[in-house]
Amino acid sequence: MKRWIDLRALWLILLTLLGGVDRIAVAQDLTWGGDAEGGAPYLLPDPHRPRQIIGFEVDLMEALARQLGRRQVFVQNQWDGLIPGLLRGNYDLAVNGLEITDDRRQRIAFSIPYYACGEQLSLRRSEKSIERLTDLHGRIVGTLKFSLAQRLLEDEGGIEIRAYENQNNAYDDLANGRLDAVLMDWPIALYYSRPNPALKFAGESIGTLEYGIGVRPGEKQFLQQVDDGLRELMRSGELRRIYERWGIWNAETERLFVRQLENPTRAPAEQFLPLPAGSLGWRERAARTLGYLPPMLMQGVPMTLLISILGMLVAMFLGLAIALLNLYASPPLAILARLYVEIFRGTPLLIQLYLIFYGLPNIGIRFSPLMAAVMGLGLNYAAYEAENYRSGILAIPRGQMEAALALGLTRYQALRYVVVPQALRLVIPPVTNDFIALFKDSSIVSVITMVELTKIYGQLAATYFDYIGAGLVAALLYLLMGLPFVRIARWAERRYRLPGAVTQLH
């Protein structure tokens, strides 16, 4: 018994030691969040070893971690969710070309700037009429969503802005003629615009922006350690060597280094801290939430309705044609119809949209964002509608077709006047359900630069860091837009109910 107690005590001591070692190891990790889809030269998968992330900010964090005596650990996070992820405690630092802006300073603390550059305007090489920002009035210009470049374009006014998830798609669209210009940070243009023989730079870079490392508010001691580490990397020349290795060393960053090393005192930390959580009363919060309605109603709602209605019309007519081919066409056409259903029903809508909008231009087929969105939704949901119609047609008794043929109607006339009208009555409920599903899936088209309700919500939430208020307004608008269609469907069900059909019991 005593031996068992001793062994148990030894085991508890061993677990405690192992737990302590584990806690020490965890404490030595410097976790930082970024988006590996951000692209060169920031963060990107190594072309030779895709599982490894490379980029100048990876080199920066490795050097900074050494300065702090810790081990850097990269945490993947979507770029537009970097700040919410930092505030949730998913990582210690946010590092991914995070521009230091006043609205972000109200949410998080920023380190001293570690890189400076301007915004670079890119054009097609044949373009001669654009030289500066003021020449973009009435033009279509691409940029990264939620970036400082997007705000510059919005402030300029009179420009149709298309905000992209990643930079390479914007430059591809510029080369393909979908855009008149692209405005992005100079390092991005250096890697994605300058090497493209179809594109060129327009003039010098515009303005100056600075990248900083995001830190949670209140961690003043940790923030000071990060600042001291960055200054030491500047002083030793290691940070400059990293930038030169990636080809992004510039005059703006050189001036930044001089300023930081000559004047090491930082501004009061309070200016980088967010406003207190309770600084806005319920009246101010309600007023700000109601202020989200105008942009959503004026720009988001009409486009969402247009995309959804046009997409559903394509799906209904194409789906009916596919169902008829599947049931009554010759074997080769019937097989093609079944393949269509399986392919479009079995692959994600998001991939189909990417293929239509970004893939087809590689073979010379280009669609506008609106056309691509309608086609993507319509082609995808046509597969589901085809199955709805097929089941509805098969539910019609065989005698209906035989009676029509016996009366002298052709097969086409029998389908048109006898079978299909009865089948359409049966499929009203599932078709209505699919329309509501398509209505909600229209939010996905924001990935191909369509500015609809979900895109507007994302812009407002990222600007005000209010995901709850803006999200509730957007959700309410989706609900209100869907209700009239549900009512119309209920009316159609009652109006076209088959004689003798079972009705709802009350």
Protein backbone atom coordinates (compact mmCIF):
# COMPACT_ATOMS: atom_id res chain seq x y z
CA MET A 1 0.00 0.00 0.00
CA LYS A 2 2.79 2.37 0.94
CA ARG A 3 4.60 1.54 -2.28
CA TRP A 4 1.47 2.32 -4.27
CA ILE A 5 1.15 5.70 -2.50
CA ASP A 6 4.81 6.47 -3.23
CA LEU A 7 4.37 5.60 -6.89
CA ARG A 8 1.28 7.76 -7.08
CA ALA A 9 3.13 10.68 -5.42
CA LEU A 10 6.02 10.23 -7.85
CA TRP A 11 3.59 10.20 -10.76
CA LEU A 12 1.93 13.43 -9.56
CA ILE A 13 5.32 15.11 -9.19
CA LEU A 14 6.27 14.00 -12.71
CA LEU A 15 3.01 15.34 -14.15
CA THR A 16 3.55 18.64 -12.35
CA LEU A 17 7.05 18.95 -13.72
CA LEU A 18 5.93 18.07 -17.23
CA GLY A 19 3.10 20.55 -16.95
CA GLY A 20 5.52 23.21 -15.78
CA VAL A 21 7.87 22.47 -18.66
CA ASP A 22 4.94 22.68 -21.07
CA ARG A 23 3.84 26.00 -19.61
CA ILE A 24 7.38 27.34 -19.92
CA ALA A 25 7.53 26.22 -23.55
CA VAL A 26 4.21 27.84 -24.31
CA ALA A 27 5.30 31.04 -22.58
CA GLN A 28 8.35 31.19 -24.86
CA ASP A 29 6.20 31.18 -28.01
CA LEU A 30 5.57 34.48 -29.77
CA THR A 31 2.37 33.84 -31.71
CA TRP A 32 1.41 36.19 -34.51
CA GLY A 33 -1.51 36.22 -36.88
CA GLY A 34 -1.46 36.82 -40.62
CA ASP A 35 -3.09 35.64 -43.84
CA ALA A 36 -0.96 33.32 -45.96
CA GLU A 37 -3.17 34.22 -48.93
CA GLY A 38 -1.92 37.80 -48.69
CA GLY A 39 0.69 37.09 -51.32
CA ALA A 40 4.17 38.35 -52.04
CA PRO A 41 6.17 39.93 -50.57
CA TYR A 42 4.27 39.78 -47.25
CA LEU A 43 3.18 36.18 -46.67
CA LEU A 44 2.89 33.35 -49.16
CA PRO A 45 3.43 29.59 -49.39
CA ASP A 46 6.91 28.62 -50.54
CA PRO A 47 6.53 27.51 -54.21
CA HIS A 48 8.98 24.66 -53.58
CA ARG A 49 7.57 23.67 -50.18
CA PRO A 50 3.91 24.77 -50.11
CA ARG A 51 3.45 23.82 -46.45
CA GLN A 52 6.05 26.42 -45.44
CA ILE A 53 5.13 30.13 -45.28
CA ILE A 54 7.69 32.68 -46.49
CA GLY A 55 7.73 36.44 -46.91
CA PHE A 56 9.48 39.50 -45.59
CA GLU A 57 7.14 39.62 -42.59
CA VAL A 58 8.04 36.03 -41.74
CA ASP A 59 11.71 37.06 -41.73
CA LEU A 60 10.79 40.13 -39.67
CA MET A 61 8.98 38.07 -37.02
CA GLU A 62 11.80 35.52 -36.83
CA ALA A 63 14.27 38.34 -36.21
CA LEU A 64 11.98 40.04 -33.69
CA ALA A 65 11.37 36.78 -31.82
CA ARG A 66 15.14 36.30 -31.49
CA GLN A 67 15.40 39.82 -30.06
CA LEU A 68 12.75 38.95 -27.48
CA GLY A 69 14.27 35.54 -26.72
CA ARG A 70 11.20 33.69 -27.87
CA ARG A 71 10.13 31.31 -30.65
CA GLN A 72 7.85 32.73 -33.34
CA VAL A 73 4.72 30.74 -34.21
CA PHE A 74 2.56 31.75 -37.19
CA VAL A 75 -1.24 31.53 -36.85
CA GLN A 76 -3.32 31.62 -40.04
CA ASN A 77 -6.18 34.13 -39.95
CA GLN A 78 -8.27 35.82 -42.63
CA TRP A 79 -6.87 39.31 -43.25
CA ASP A 80 -10.08 41.24 -42.58
CA GLY A 81 -10.44 39.34 -39.28
CA LEU A 82 -6.91 40.03 -38.00
CA ILE A 83 -7.95 42.63 -35.43
CA PRO A 84 -10.96 40.67 -34.07
CA GLY A 85 -8.70 37.60 -33.80
CA LEU A 86 -6.10 39.61 -31.89
CA LEU A 87 -8.72 40.97 -29.48
CA ARG A 88 -10.08 37.44 -28.93
CA GLY A 89 -6.60 36.32 -27.87
CA ASN A 90 -5.99 33.96 -30.79
CA TYR A 91 -2.41 35.26 -31.04
CA ASP A 92 -0.10 37.80 -29.40
CA LEU A 93 0.51 40.06 -32.39
CA ALA A 94 -1.19 40.94 -35.68
CA VAL A 95 1.31 41.32 -38.53
CA ASN A 96 0.30 41.44 -42.18
CA GLY A 97 0.75 44.81 -43.86
CA LEU A 98 -1.51 46.33 -41.20
CA GLU A 99 -1.70 50.03 -41.99
CA ILE A 100 -1.68 52.35 -38.98
CA THR A 101 -4.93 54.31 -39.19
CA ASP A 102 -6.93 56.32 -36.69
CA ASP A 103 -9.89 53.95 -36.62
CA ARG A 104 -7.64 50.96 -35.95
CA ARG A 105 -5.86 52.88 -33.21
CA GLN A 106 -9.20 53.12 -31.46
CA ARG A 107 -9.36 49.33 -31.29
CA ILE A 108 -5.81 48.12 -30.73
CA ALA A 109 -2.35 49.39 -29.78
CA PHE A 110 0.27 49.72 -32.52
CA SER A 111 4.01 49.29 -32.37
CA ILE A 112 6.28 51.86 -33.92
CA PRO A 113 6.10 51.61 -37.73
CA TYR A 114 8.40 49.00 -39.26
CA TYR A 115 7.86 49.84 -42.95
CA ALA A 116 6.71 52.84 -44.99
CA CYS A 117 5.64 53.21 -48.61
CA GLY A 118 3.08 54.88 -50.87
CA GLU A 119 0.18 53.76 -53.03
CA GLN A 120 1.07 52.87 -56.59
CA LEU A 121 -1.28 53.33 -59.55
CA SER A 122 -1.03 50.69 -62.29
CA LEU A 123 -2.46 50.86 -65.83
CA ARG A 124 -2.53 48.83 -69.00
CA ARG A 125 0.53 49.63 -71.10
CA SER A 126 -1.66 50.99 -73.89
CA GLU A 127 -3.38 53.52 -71.58
CA LYS A 128 -2.34 57.11 -72.30
CA SER A 129 -5.09 59.24 -70.71
CA ILE A 130 -4.46 58.48 -67.02
CA GLU A 131 -1.51 59.96 -65.16
CA ARG A 132 -2.79 60.80 -61.67
CA LEU A 133 -5.59 60.10 -59.22
CA THR A 134 -7.82 62.89 -60.53
CA ASP A 135 -7.83 61.26 -63.98
CA LEU A 136 -9.75 58.28 -62.56
CA HIS A 137 -13.11 60.05 -62.34
CA GLY A 138 -15.71 57.97 -64.16
CA ARG A 139 -13.31 55.01 -64.38
CA ILE A 140 -13.40 51.52 -62.85
CA VAL A 141 -10.55 51.02 -60.39
CA GLY A 142 -9.60 47.91 -58.45
CA THR A 143 -7.99 47.72 -55.02
CA LEU A 144 -7.81 45.54 -51.93
CA LYS A 145 -10.86 45.60 -49.69
CA PHE A 146 -10.62 47.54 -46.42
CA SER A 147 -7.25 49.00 -47.45
CA LEU A 148 -6.01 52.58 -47.26
CA ALA A 149 -6.00 52.63 -51.07
CA GLN A 150 -9.76 51.96 -51.04
CA ARG A 151 -10.27 54.90 -48.68
CA LEU A 152 -8.20 57.17 -50.92
CA LEU A 153 -10.39 56.25 -53.88
CA GLU A 154 -13.56 56.77 -51.85
CA ASP A 155 -12.33 60.18 -50.69
CA GLU A 156 -11.50 61.17 -54.27
CA GLY A 157 -15.10 60.46 -55.34
CA GLY A 158 -16.53 59.86 -58.79
CA ILE A 159 -14.73 56.52 -59.14
CA GLU A 160 -16.34 53.08 -59.49
CA ILE A 161 -14.41 50.99 -56.99
CA ARG A 162 -14.10 47.22 -57.11
CA ALA A 163 -12.62 45.79 -53.91
CA TYR A 164 -10.81 42.44 -54.20
CA GLU A 165 -9.96 39.73 -51.73
CA ASN A 166 -6.45 39.33 -53.15
CA GLN A 167 -4.21 41.37 -55.37
CA ASN A 168 -3.44 39.01 -58.25
CA ASN A 169 -7.12 38.90 -59.31
CA ALA A 170 -7.22 42.70 -59.55
CA TYR A 171 -4.15 42.86 -61.77
CA ASP A 172 -5.49 40.02 -63.93
CA ASP A 173 -8.72 41.94 -64.41
CA LEU A 174 -6.74 45.06 -65.30
CA ALA A 175 -4.81 43.16 -67.96
CA ASN A 176 -8.05 41.57 -69.24
CA GLY A 177 -9.78 44.95 -69.60
CA ARG A 178 -12.31 44.66 -66.77
CA LEU A 179 -10.62 47.54 -64.92
CA ASP A 180 -9.16 50.86 -66.01
CA ALA A 181 -6.60 51.02 -63.20
CA VAL A 182 -5.46 49.38 -59.96
CA LEU A 183 -4.30 51.24 -56.85
CA MET A 184 -2.42 49.25 -54.21
CA ASP A 185 0.52 49.48 -51.84
CA TRP A 186 3.84 49.94 -53.61
CA PRO A 187 5.33 46.53 -52.59
CA ILE A 188 2.25 44.77 -53.98
CA ALA A 189 2.51 46.65 -57.27
CA LEU A 190 6.22 45.89 -57.39
CA TYR A 191 5.56 42.15 -57.29
CA TYR A 192 2.30 41.86 -59.25
CA SER A 193 2.19 44.79 -61.67
CA ARG A 194 5.73 45.58 -62.75
CA PRO A 195 6.60 42.00 -63.94
CA ASN A 196 3.46 41.90 -66.13
CA PRO A 197 4.38 43.03 -69.67
CA ALA A 198 0.79 44.21 -70.25
CA LEU A 199 0.89 46.67 -67.34
CA LYS A 200 2.85 49.74 -66.29
CA PHE A 201 3.22 52.15 -63.36
CA ALA A 202 1.57 55.57 -63.59
CA GLY A 203 3.80 58.24 -62.08
CA GLU A 204 5.26 58.22 -58.59
CA SER A 205 3.66 56.57 -55.58
CA ILE A 206 0.82 58.48 -53.91
CA GLY A 207 0.97 59.56 -50.28
CA THR A 208 2.70 57.64 -47.48
CA LEU A 209 1.43 54.81 -45.32
CA GLU A 210 3.12 52.96 -42.47
CA TYR A 211 2.79 49.36 -41.35
CA GLY A 212 2.67 48.57 -37.65
CA ILE A 213 2.41 45.49 -35.46
CA GLY A 214 -0.94 45.18 -33.68
CA VAL A 215 -0.94 44.51 -29.94
CA ARG A 216 -3.89 44.07 -27.59
CA PRO A 217 -4.70 47.24 -25.62
CA GLY A 218 -3.44 47.36 -22.07
CA GLU A 219 -0.26 45.32 -22.70
CA LYS A 220 2.04 48.34 -22.34
CA GLN A 221 5.09 46.40 -21.14
CA PHE A 222 4.83 43.90 -23.98
CA LEU A 223 4.31 46.73 -26.46
CA GLN A 224 7.48 48.44 -25.19
CA GLN A 225 9.42 45.18 -25.67
CA VAL A 226 8.17 44.97 -29.27
CA ASP A 227 9.18 48.59 -29.91
CA ASP A 228 12.64 48.07 -28.41
CA GLY A 229 13.11 44.94 -30.51
CA LEU A 230 12.14 46.74 -33.72
CA ARG A 231 14.50 49.63 -32.99
CA GLU A 232 17.36 47.24 -32.35
CA LEU A 233 16.69 45.53 -35.69
CA MET A 234 16.76 48.96 -37.34
CA ARG A 235 19.94 49.96 -35.52
CA SER A 236 21.79 46.73 -36.34
CA GLY A 237 20.88 46.88 -40.03
CA GLU A 238 19.17 43.47 -39.96
CA LEU A 239 15.77 44.90 -40.86
CA ARG A 240 17.22 46.75 -43.83
CA ARG A 241 18.92 43.54 -45.02
CA ILE A 242 15.56 41.75 -44.88
CA TYR A 243 13.93 44.45 -47.01
CA GLU A 244 16.81 44.49 -49.49
CA ARG A 245 16.64 40.70 -49.80
CA TRP A 246 12.99 41.05 -50.83
CA GLY A 247 13.70 44.09 -53.02
CA ILE A 248 11.40 46.48 -51.14
CA TRP A 249 13.87 48.86 -49.49
CA ASN A 250 12.83 52.43 -50.37
CA ALA A 251 13.38 56.07 -49.46
CA GLU A 252 10.24 56.26 -47.30
CA THR A 253 11.45 53.41 -45.08
CA GLU A 254 14.93 54.93 -44.84
CA ARG A 255 13.43 58.18 -43.58
CA LEU A 256 11.26 56.17 -41.18
CA PHE A 257 14.33 54.46 -39.70
CA VAL A 258 16.13 57.77 -39.21
CA ARG A 259 13.10 59.25 -37.48
CA GLN A 260 12.63 56.29 -35.14
CA LEU A 261 16.28 56.06 -34.17
CA GLU A 262 16.77 59.80 -33.66
CA ASN A 263 13.55 60.20 -31.67
CA PRO A 264 13.02 56.96 -29.73
CA THR A 265 10.22 58.34 -27.53
CA ARG A 266 6.84 57.15 -28.59
CA ALA A 267 3.63 59.10 -28.43
CA PRO A 268 1.48 58.57 -25.33
CA ALA A 269 0.07 55.08 -25.37
CA GLU A 270 -3.43 56.38 -24.70
CA GLN A 271 -3.82 57.58 -28.28
CA PHE A 272 -3.38 54.02 -29.52
CA LEU A 273 -5.91 52.54 -27.13
CA PRO A 274 -9.54 51.96 -28.15
CA LEU A 275 -12.36 54.00 -26.75
CA PRO A 276 -13.71 52.44 -23.55
CA ALA A 277 -16.36 49.83 -24.20
CA GLY A 278 -18.97 51.92 -22.46
CA SER A 279 -18.00 55.23 -24.03
CA LEU A 280 -21.02 55.11 -26.35
CA GLY A 281 -24.41 55.22 -24.69
CA TRP A 282 -27.32 53.19 -25.95
CA ARG A 283 -28.69 56.20 -27.83
CA GLU A 284 -25.39 56.72 -29.68
CA ARG A 285 -25.10 53.02 -30.44
CA ALA A 286 -28.68 52.89 -31.72
CA ALA A 287 -28.10 55.97 -33.87
CA ARG A 288 -24.95 54.47 -35.34
CA THR A 289 -26.70 51.15 -36.00
CA LEU A 290 -29.56 52.93 -37.78
CA GLY A 291 -26.95 54.82 -39.75
CA TYR A 292 -26.00 51.52 -41.41
CA LEU A 293 -29.38 51.36 -43.14
CA PRO A 294 -28.89 53.99 -45.88
CA PRO A 295 -25.85 52.38 -47.57
CA MET A 296 -27.34 48.91 -47.21
CA LEU A 297 -30.73 49.95 -48.57
CA MET A 298 -29.44 52.13 -51.40
CA GLN A 299 -26.65 49.91 -52.69
CA GLY A 300 -26.78 46.47 -51.08
CA VAL A 301 -30.47 45.55 -51.18
CA PRO A 302 -31.24 46.39 -54.86
CA MET A 303 -28.19 44.51 -56.10
CA THR A 304 -28.99 41.48 -53.92
CA LEU A 305 -32.55 41.38 -55.25
CA LEU A 306 -31.40 41.77 -58.85
CA ILE A 307 -28.81 38.99 -58.61
CA SER A 308 -31.20 36.63 -56.82
CA ILE A 309 -34.17 37.11 -59.16
CA LEU A 310 -32.12 36.88 -62.37
CA GLY A 311 -30.20 33.89 -61.05
CA MET A 312 -33.40 32.07 -60.12
CA LEU A 313 -34.97 32.74 -63.52
CA VAL A 314 -31.92 31.19 -65.19
CA ALA A 315 -32.08 28.24 -62.81
CA MET A 316 -35.81 27.60 -63.38
CA PHE A 317 -35.77 27.67 -67.19
CA LEU A 318 -32.47 25.83 -67.54
CA GLY A 319 -33.48 23.30 -64.87
CA LEU A 320 -36.72 22.50 -66.71
CA ALA A 321 -34.83 21.96 -69.96
CA ILE A 322 -32.32 19.65 -68.23
CA ALA A 323 -35.11 17.65 -66.58
CA LEU A 324 -36.88 17.13 -69.93
CA LEU A 325 -33.63 16.09 -71.59
CA ASN A 326 -32.96 13.66 -68.78
CA LEU A 327 -36.39 12.01 -69.13
CA TYR A 328 -37.24 12.19 -72.83
CA ALA A 329 -34.11 12.93 -74.90
CA SER A 330 -31.96 10.39 -76.73
CA PRO A 331 -29.47 8.45 -74.54
CA PRO A 332 -26.42 10.67 -75.30
CA LEU A 333 -28.30 13.88 -74.40
CA ALA A 334 -29.88 12.24 -71.35
CA ILE A 335 -26.43 11.20 -70.11
CA LEU A 336 -25.14 14.76 -70.59
CA ALA A 337 -28.11 16.10 -68.63
CA ARG A 338 -27.41 13.72 -65.75
CA LEU A 339 -23.70 14.63 -65.82
CA TYR A 340 -24.62 18.31 -65.61
CA VAL A 341 -26.71 17.69 -62.51
CA GLU A 342 -24.02 15.66 -60.77
CA ILE A 343 -21.19 18.09 -61.60
CA PHE A 344 -22.93 21.30 -60.58
CA ARG A 345 -24.66 19.75 -57.59
CA GLY A 346 -21.51 18.02 -56.41
CA THR A 347 -19.03 20.93 -56.57
CA PRO A 348 -18.99 24.07 -54.38
CA LEU A 349 -20.65 27.21 -55.68
CA LEU A 350 -17.62 29.25 -54.62
CA ILE A 351 -15.30 27.29 -56.91
CA GLN A 352 -17.77 27.59 -59.78
CA LEU A 353 -17.83 31.38 -59.34
CA TYR A 354 -14.04 31.54 -59.33
CA LEU A 355 -13.87 29.45 -62.50
CA ILE A 356 -16.45 31.60 -64.30
CA PHE A 357 -15.04 34.97 -63.28
CA TYR A 358 -11.29 34.34 -62.99
CA GLY A 359 -10.75 31.13 -64.96
CA LEU A 360 -12.62 31.74 -68.22
CA PRO A 361 -10.63 34.91 -69.12
CA ASN A 362 -7.62 32.64 -69.57
CA ILE A 363 -9.34 31.20 -72.63
CA GLY A 364 -10.67 34.54 -73.85
CA ILE A 365 -14.16 34.49 -72.25
CA ARG A 366 -14.84 37.51 -70.02
CA PHE A 367 -17.96 38.36 -68.06
CA SER A 368 -18.83 41.40 -66.00
CA PRO A 369 -19.20 40.79 -62.23
CA LEU A 370 -23.01 40.99 -62.53
CA MET A 371 -23.15 38.55 -65.43
CA ALA A 372 -20.75 36.15 -63.71
CA ALA A 373 -22.77 36.28 -60.50
CA VAL A 374 -26.08 35.57 -62.27
CA MET A 375 -24.52 32.78 -64.33
CA GLY A 376 -22.84 31.20 -61.33
CA LEU A 377 -25.98 31.15 -59.21
CA GLY A 378 -28.20 30.17 -62.14
CA LEU A 379 -26.03 27.32 -63.38
CA ASN A 380 -25.56 25.94 -59.89
CA TYR A 381 -29.21 26.02 -58.87
CA ALA A 382 -30.36 24.74 -62.26
CA ALA A 383 -29.04 21.34 -61.16
CA TYR A 384 -31.31 21.39 -58.10
CA GLU A 385 -34.30 22.66 -60.06
CA ALA A 386 -33.81 19.93 -62.65
CA GLU A 387 -34.24 17.31 -59.93
CA ASN A 388 -37.31 19.09 -58.59
CA TYR A 389 -38.92 19.12 -62.03
CA ARG A 390 -37.92 15.55 -62.73
CA SER A 391 -39.59 14.34 -59.53
CA GLY A 392 -42.67 16.45 -60.30
CA ILE A 393 -42.99 15.04 -63.83
CA LEU A 394 -42.52 11.47 -62.59
CA ALA A 395 -45.30 12.06 -60.04
CA ILE A 396 -47.83 12.65 -62.86
CA PRO A 397 -49.62 9.35 -63.66
CA ARG A 398 -48.53 7.70 -66.90
CA GLY A 399 -52.15 7.68 -68.05
CA GLN A 400 -52.04 11.47 -68.50
CA MET A 401 -49.42 11.17 -71.23
CA GLU A 402 -51.14 8.19 -72.82
CA ALA A 403 -54.50 9.98 -72.88
CA ALA A 404 -52.95 13.06 -74.48
CA LEU A 405 -51.28 10.97 -77.16
CA ALA A 406 -54.56 9.09 -77.77
CA LEU A 407 -56.29 12.42 -78.40
CA GLY A 408 -53.85 13.12 -81.22
CA LEU A 409 -51.39 15.41 -79.45
CA THR A 410 -47.72 15.06 -80.23
CA ARG A 411 -45.30 14.18 -77.43
CA TYR A 412 -44.14 17.79 -77.33
CA GLN A 413 -47.74 19.05 -77.09
CA ALA A 414 -48.58 16.48 -74.41
CA LEU A 415 -45.62 17.64 -72.31
CA ARG A 416 -46.38 21.32 -72.85
CA TYR A 417 -50.11 21.30 -72.24
CA VAL A 418 -50.72 18.30 -69.99
CA VAL A 419 -47.72 16.92 -68.06
CA VAL A 420 -45.50 19.94 -67.36
CA PRO A 421 -48.28 22.29 -66.10
CA GLN A 422 -49.38 19.65 -63.57
CA ALA A 423 -45.77 18.98 -62.55
CA LEU A 424 -45.11 22.70 -62.01
CA ARG A 425 -47.96 22.82 -59.51
CA LEU A 426 -46.35 20.02 -57.52
CA VAL A 427 -42.90 21.59 -57.37
CA ILE A 428 -43.91 25.06 -56.14
CA PRO A 429 -42.84 24.32 -52.49
CA PRO A 430 -39.34 22.92 -53.27
CA VAL A 431 -38.69 25.62 -55.89
CA THR A 432 -39.65 28.29 -53.36
CA ASN A 433 -37.30 26.73 -50.82
CA ASP A 434 -34.48 26.76 -53.38
CA PHE A 435 -35.13 30.42 -54.15
CA ILE A 436 -34.73 31.34 -50.48
CA ALA A 437 -31.51 29.29 -50.39
CA LEU A 438 -30.24 31.03 -53.55
CA PHE A 439 -31.24 34.37 -52.04
CA LYS A 440 -28.92 33.72 -49.08
CA ASP A 441 -26.16 32.20 -51.25
CA SER A 442 -26.05 35.44 -53.22
CA SER A 443 -23.82 36.68 -50.40
CA ILE A 444 -21.01 34.53 -51.85
CA VAL A 445 -20.76 36.66 -55.00
CA SER A 446 -18.89 39.31 -53.01
CA VAL A 447 -15.74 37.29 -53.78
CA ILE A 448 -15.97 38.39 -57.43
CA THR A 449 -16.14 42.10 -56.55
CA MET A 450 -19.94 42.34 -56.56
CA VAL A 451 -21.06 45.01 -54.10
CA GLU A 452 -24.24 43.57 -52.61
CA LEU A 453 -25.67 43.45 -49.10
CA THR A 454 -23.06 41.16 -47.55
CA LYS A 455 -20.24 43.18 -49.10
CA ILE A 456 -21.68 46.40 -47.65
CA TYR A 457 -21.99 44.69 -44.27
CA GLY A 458 -18.33 43.63 -44.38
CA GLN A 459 -17.21 47.14 -45.27
CA LEU A 460 -19.24 48.74 -42.46
CA ALA A 461 -18.18 46.15 -39.88
CA ALA A 462 -14.51 46.52 -40.77
CA THR A 463 -14.72 50.32 -40.66
CA TYR A 464 -16.52 50.63 -37.32
CA PHE A 465 -15.47 47.25 -35.83
CA ASP A 466 -19.14 46.69 -35.10
CA TYR A 467 -19.88 43.18 -36.30
CA ILE A 468 -22.96 42.81 -34.09
CA GLY A 469 -24.87 45.98 -34.96
CA ALA A 470 -24.13 45.88 -38.68
CA GLY A 471 -24.70 42.11 -38.73
CA LEU A 472 -28.12 42.40 -37.11
CA VAL A 473 -29.16 45.08 -39.60
CA ALA A 474 -27.97 42.96 -42.55
CA ALA A 475 -29.69 39.83 -41.22
CA LEU A 476 -32.93 41.74 -40.69
CA LEU A 477 -32.82 43.06 -44.26
CA TYR A 478 -32.30 39.54 -45.65
CA LEU A 479 -35.27 38.33 -43.60
CA LEU A 480 -37.51 41.19 -44.72
CA MET A 481 -36.56 40.73 -48.37
CA GLY A 482 -37.35 37.03 -48.24
CA LEU A 483 -40.77 37.30 -46.59
CA PRO A 484 -42.67 38.70 -49.63
CA PHE A 485 -41.46 35.82 -51.79
CA VAL A 486 -42.60 33.32 -49.16
CA ARG A 487 -46.05 34.94 -49.18
CA ILE A 488 -46.19 34.83 -52.99
CA ALA A 489 -45.26 31.15 -52.91
CA ARG A 490 -48.01 30.38 -50.38
CA TRP A 491 -50.52 32.16 -52.62
CA ALA A 492 -49.32 30.21 -55.66
CA GLU A 493 -49.64 26.93 -53.77
CA ARG A 494 -53.28 27.69 -52.91
CA ARG A 495 -54.06 29.08 -56.35
CA TYR A 496 -52.66 26.16 -58.32
CA ARG A 497 -53.35 23.33 -55.90
CA LEU A 498 -54.40 20.14 -57.71
CA PRO A 499 -58.05 19.21 -57.31
CA GLY A 500 -58.51 16.77 -54.46
CA ALA A 501 -55.13 17.52 -52.89
CA VAL A 502 -54.78 17.21 -49.14
CA THR A 503 -54.94 20.63 -47.46
CA GLN A 504 -53.41 21.74 -44.19
CA LEU A 505 -55.47 20.74 -41.15
CA HIS A 506 -56.22 23.41 -38.53
